[in-house]
Amino acid sequence: MKSIVIIEKDGTSKYIHADVDADNCLHVNGNYFYNKNLLEPGDKERAEKGEKLEIEKRLKLGMNSCGREVVTGEELRLREFNKFAADAGLKVELKTTYGRDESGKCPCYHYTFASGREWIDRNIFDVGRIINPMFSVFGDGETGGIIAGKPIAGALATAPQNENPEDLYVTVNHYNDKAKSRKLTSDEAKEYRFVEEHGFAMRGIRM
């Protein structure tokens, strides 16, 4: 069973995990069924017979008799993400797709901002977290690019000098002699830094 987050009306929240025998849980045959207020007549007897109680469907109905909203951890994280975006004056849509690498199935998070620019955020096996632009940074139709605090070596000749340590640069074609870089605009940098701070991709390196 998934972890369940209970969100109080004042916005505070707490996690209840399946390995915690909380006071408000019905405990039958090693299984935990959350929130006795959501139990229906006969649930205990059905659970004792080994039948699956679809408590989670009832959780999804919204507010229960205690005045608490119950959502999954994933839903809470998306809610917090949208709040961070609103606080930053940004409007962003999130879409999740899945790819495969040496470790199996891996998520790719796509963030599309009101500007129309899309960024992809993922953790690449044995490399780590990578955030790339999915728009044409030079207007030539080619998407992608590597973001860094300075131009990547092969593109030094085409890039302006780094005047501010806070500047970010995008470099495309960085594996051949056609590499070129430019500084991100202030709006592009704001979007990138937002994804970097609040994006969903796993931090660290998967090995």
Protein backbone atom coordinates (compact mmCIF):
# COMPACT_ATOMS: atom_id res chain seq x y z
CA MET A 1 0.00 0.00 0.00
CA LYS A 2 1.22 3.50 -0.81
CA SER A 3 2.19 5.97 1.84
CA ILE A 4 -0.75 8.21 2.67
CA VAL A 5 -0.45 11.90 3.46
CA ILE A 6 -3.06 13.47 5.69
CA ILE A 7 -3.40 17.19 5.05
CA GLU A 8 -5.11 19.21 7.75
CA LYS A 9 -7.28 22.18 6.83
CA ASP A 10 -4.57 24.54 8.09
CA GLY A 11 -2.15 23.12 5.49
CA THR A 12 -0.01 21.00 7.81
CA SER A 13 0.53 17.39 6.83
CA LYS A 14 1.83 14.09 8.10
CA TYR A 15 2.73 10.75 6.56
CA ILE A 16 1.30 7.43 7.68
CA HIS A 17 3.20 4.41 6.38
CA ALA A 18 2.08 0.80 6.22
CA ASP A 19 4.64 -0.24 8.84
CA VAL A 20 3.12 2.05 11.47
CA ASP A 21 0.25 0.68 13.54
CA ALA A 22 -1.45 4.04 14.09
CA ASP A 23 -4.32 4.40 16.52
CA ASN A 24 -6.76 5.24 13.76
CA CYS A 25 -6.00 2.09 11.73
CA LEU A 26 -7.78 -1.23 11.61
CA HIS A 27 -5.14 -3.96 11.84
CA VAL A 28 -6.17 -7.40 10.49
CA ASN A 29 -3.93 -10.33 9.55
CA GLY A 30 -0.82 -8.18 9.16
CA ASN A 31 -2.56 -5.63 6.92
CA TYR A 32 -3.28 -2.03 7.81
CA PHE A 33 -6.43 -0.29 6.68
CA TYR A 34 -6.25 3.44 7.18
CA ASN A 35 -8.63 5.69 9.04
CA LYS A 36 -11.43 3.92 10.86
CA ASN A 37 -13.76 6.74 9.80
CA LEU A 38 -13.60 5.35 6.26
CA LEU A 39 -14.55 1.81 7.24
CA GLU A 40 -17.95 0.52 6.21
CA PRO A 41 -20.16 -2.14 7.83
CA GLY A 42 -18.65 -5.58 7.28
CA ASP A 43 -15.16 -4.34 6.38
CA LYS A 44 -13.54 -5.99 9.40
CA GLU A 45 -15.16 -9.33 8.63
CA ARG A 46 -14.21 -9.13 4.94
CA ALA A 47 -10.61 -8.27 5.90
CA GLU A 48 -10.45 -11.26 8.26
CA LYS A 49 -11.46 -13.48 5.32
CA GLY A 50 -8.54 -12.10 3.33
CA GLU A 51 -10.61 -9.90 1.01
CA LYS A 52 -8.98 -6.69 -0.20
CA LEU A 53 -10.58 -3.54 1.15
CA GLU A 54 -10.45 -0.75 -1.42
CA ILE A 55 -9.84 1.89 1.21
CA GLU A 56 -7.72 3.96 -1.15
CA LYS A 57 -10.71 4.54 -3.45
CA ARG A 58 -12.57 5.96 -0.49
CA LEU A 59 -9.60 8.16 0.37
CA LYS A 60 -9.77 9.65 -3.10
CA LEU A 61 -13.30 10.86 -2.46
CA GLY A 62 -11.89 13.87 -0.65
CA MET A 63 -12.90 15.20 2.74
CA ASN A 64 -13.86 12.61 5.34
CA SER A 65 -16.02 13.03 8.42
CA CYS A 66 -13.07 14.35 10.45
CA GLY A 67 -12.61 17.30 8.10
CA ARG A 68 -9.28 16.04 6.79
CA GLU A 69 -8.28 15.71 3.18
CA VAL A 70 -6.30 12.58 2.38
CA VAL A 71 -4.04 12.40 -0.67
CA THR A 72 -1.05 10.37 -1.80
CA GLY A 73 2.52 11.63 -1.44
CA GLU A 74 2.78 12.14 -5.21
CA GLU A 75 -0.30 14.37 -5.21
CA LEU A 76 1.09 16.40 -2.33
CA ARG A 77 4.40 16.90 -4.12
CA LEU A 78 2.62 18.17 -7.24
CA ARG A 79 0.53 20.53 -5.12
CA GLU A 80 3.68 21.94 -3.51
CA PHE A 81 5.34 22.26 -6.94
CA ASN A 82 2.43 24.33 -8.25
CA LYS A 83 2.57 26.55 -5.15
CA PHE A 84 6.30 27.17 -5.66
CA ALA A 85 5.60 28.09 -9.30
CA ALA A 86 2.85 30.53 -8.32
CA ASP A 87 5.10 32.12 -5.67
CA ALA A 88 7.79 32.59 -8.33
CA GLY A 89 5.31 34.20 -10.74
CA LEU A 90 5.56 31.24 -13.12
CA LYS A 91 2.94 29.14 -14.83
CA VAL A 92 4.16 25.67 -15.72
CA GLU A 93 2.63 22.41 -16.89
CA LEU A 94 4.22 19.11 -15.91
CA LYS A 95 4.10 15.92 -17.97
CA THR A 96 5.85 12.64 -17.13
CA THR A 97 7.07 10.14 -19.71
CA TYR A 98 9.22 7.04 -19.22
CA GLY A 99 12.34 5.75 -20.89
CA ARG A 100 14.63 2.81 -20.21
CA ASP A 101 18.30 2.56 -19.32
CA GLU A 102 20.65 0.05 -17.69
CA SER A 103 18.65 0.14 -14.47
CA GLY A 104 15.28 -0.35 -16.17
CA LYS A 105 12.34 2.06 -16.40
CA CYS A 106 13.20 5.68 -15.61
CA PRO A 107 11.00 8.80 -15.51
CA CYS A 108 11.50 11.91 -17.66
CA TYR A 109 9.83 15.09 -16.43
CA HIS A 110 8.76 17.71 -19.00
CA TYR A 111 8.08 21.27 -17.83
CA THR A 112 6.36 23.63 -20.26
CA PHE A 113 6.24 27.26 -19.17
CA ALA A 114 3.85 30.03 -20.23
CA SER A 115 6.65 31.27 -22.52
CA GLY A 116 6.18 28.10 -24.59
CA ARG A 117 9.65 26.87 -23.68
CA GLU A 118 9.94 23.25 -22.55
CA TRP A 119 12.66 21.77 -20.33
CA ILE A 120 13.29 18.07 -19.74
CA ASP A 121 14.57 16.86 -16.37
CA ARG A 122 15.86 13.33 -15.82
CA ASN A 123 18.48 11.26 -14.05
CA ILE A 124 20.72 9.39 -16.48
CA PHE A 125 22.24 6.13 -15.28
CA ASP A 126 25.90 6.49 -14.21
CA VAL A 127 25.82 10.21 -15.11
CA GLY A 128 23.36 11.93 -12.80
CA ARG A 129 20.69 14.53 -13.14
CA ILE A 130 20.51 16.43 -16.45
CA ILE A 131 18.23 19.35 -17.37
CA ASN A 132 18.07 20.20 -21.08
CA PRO A 133 16.14 22.77 -23.15
CA MET A 134 13.63 21.19 -25.53
CA PHE A 135 13.38 24.35 -27.62
CA SER A 136 15.64 25.73 -30.32
CA VAL A 137 18.11 27.93 -28.47
CA PHE A 138 19.57 29.36 -31.72
CA GLY A 139 16.33 29.45 -33.71
CA ASP A 140 17.61 26.87 -36.18
CA GLY A 141 15.11 24.16 -35.25
CA GLU A 142 17.62 22.06 -33.31
CA THR A 143 16.57 21.34 -29.74
CA GLY A 144 18.70 20.38 -26.75
CA GLY A 145 21.87 21.73 -25.25
CA ILE A 146 24.00 21.56 -22.14
CA ILE A 147 23.57 24.21 -19.45
CA ALA A 148 26.61 25.30 -17.47
CA GLY A 149 28.11 28.30 -15.72
CA LYS A 150 30.44 28.92 -18.64
CA PRO A 151 30.69 27.89 -22.30
CA ILE A 152 31.89 24.32 -22.87
CA ALA A 153 35.43 24.20 -24.24
CA GLY A 154 34.61 23.49 -27.89
CA ALA A 155 32.38 26.57 -28.11
CA LEU A 156 34.62 29.15 -26.44
CA ALA A 157 35.29 30.99 -29.68
CA THR A 158 31.59 31.64 -30.36
CA ALA A 159 30.56 32.58 -26.84
CA PRO A 160 30.67 35.99 -25.16
CA GLN A 161 32.95 36.47 -22.20
CA ASN A 162 31.54 35.46 -18.83
CA GLU A 163 30.84 38.84 -17.23
CA ASN A 164 28.83 37.63 -14.24
CA PRO A 165 29.41 34.47 -12.17
CA GLU A 166 25.61 34.11 -11.95
CA ASP A 167 25.25 33.83 -15.73
CA LEU A 168 24.26 30.53 -17.33
CA TYR A 169 25.27 29.36 -20.80
CA VAL A 170 23.76 26.85 -23.19
CA THR A 171 26.03 24.93 -25.55
CA VAL A 172 24.81 22.86 -28.51
CA ASN A 173 26.70 20.48 -30.82
CA HIS A 174 29.23 20.20 -28.04
CA TYR A 175 30.68 16.93 -29.40
CA ASN A 176 31.96 18.35 -32.70
CA ASP A 177 33.69 21.35 -34.23
CA LYS A 178 30.38 23.15 -34.83
CA ALA A 179 29.80 23.74 -31.13
CA LYS A 180 28.40 27.12 -30.20
CA SER A 181 27.23 28.75 -26.99
CA ARG A 182 25.20 31.70 -25.85
CA LYS A 183 24.15 33.14 -22.53
CA LEU A 184 20.65 32.26 -21.34
CA THR A 185 18.27 35.19 -21.19
CA SER A 186 17.06 36.22 -17.74
CA ASP A 187 13.68 34.51 -18.35
CA GLU A 188 15.32 31.32 -19.59
CA ALA A 189 17.66 31.29 -16.60
CA LYS A 190 14.72 31.77 -14.23
CA GLU A 191 12.93 28.77 -15.74
CA TYR A 192 16.06 26.62 -15.63
CA ARG A 193 16.81 27.49 -12.00
CA PHE A 194 13.20 26.79 -11.04
CA VAL A 195 13.38 23.30 -12.55
CA GLU A 196 16.80 22.78 -10.96
CA GLU A 197 15.45 23.62 -7.49
CA HIS A 198 11.92 22.21 -7.63
CA GLY A 199 12.03 19.61 -10.40
CA PHE A 200 11.13 16.00 -9.69
CA ALA A 201 14.14 14.13 -11.11
CA MET A 202 16.26 12.19 -8.66
CA ARG A 203 19.41 13.90 -7.37
CA GLY A 204 22.72 12.05 -7.20
CA ILE A 205 24.09 9.34 -9.48
CA ARG A 206 22.41 5.99 -10.11
CA MET A 207 24.90 3.15 -10.54
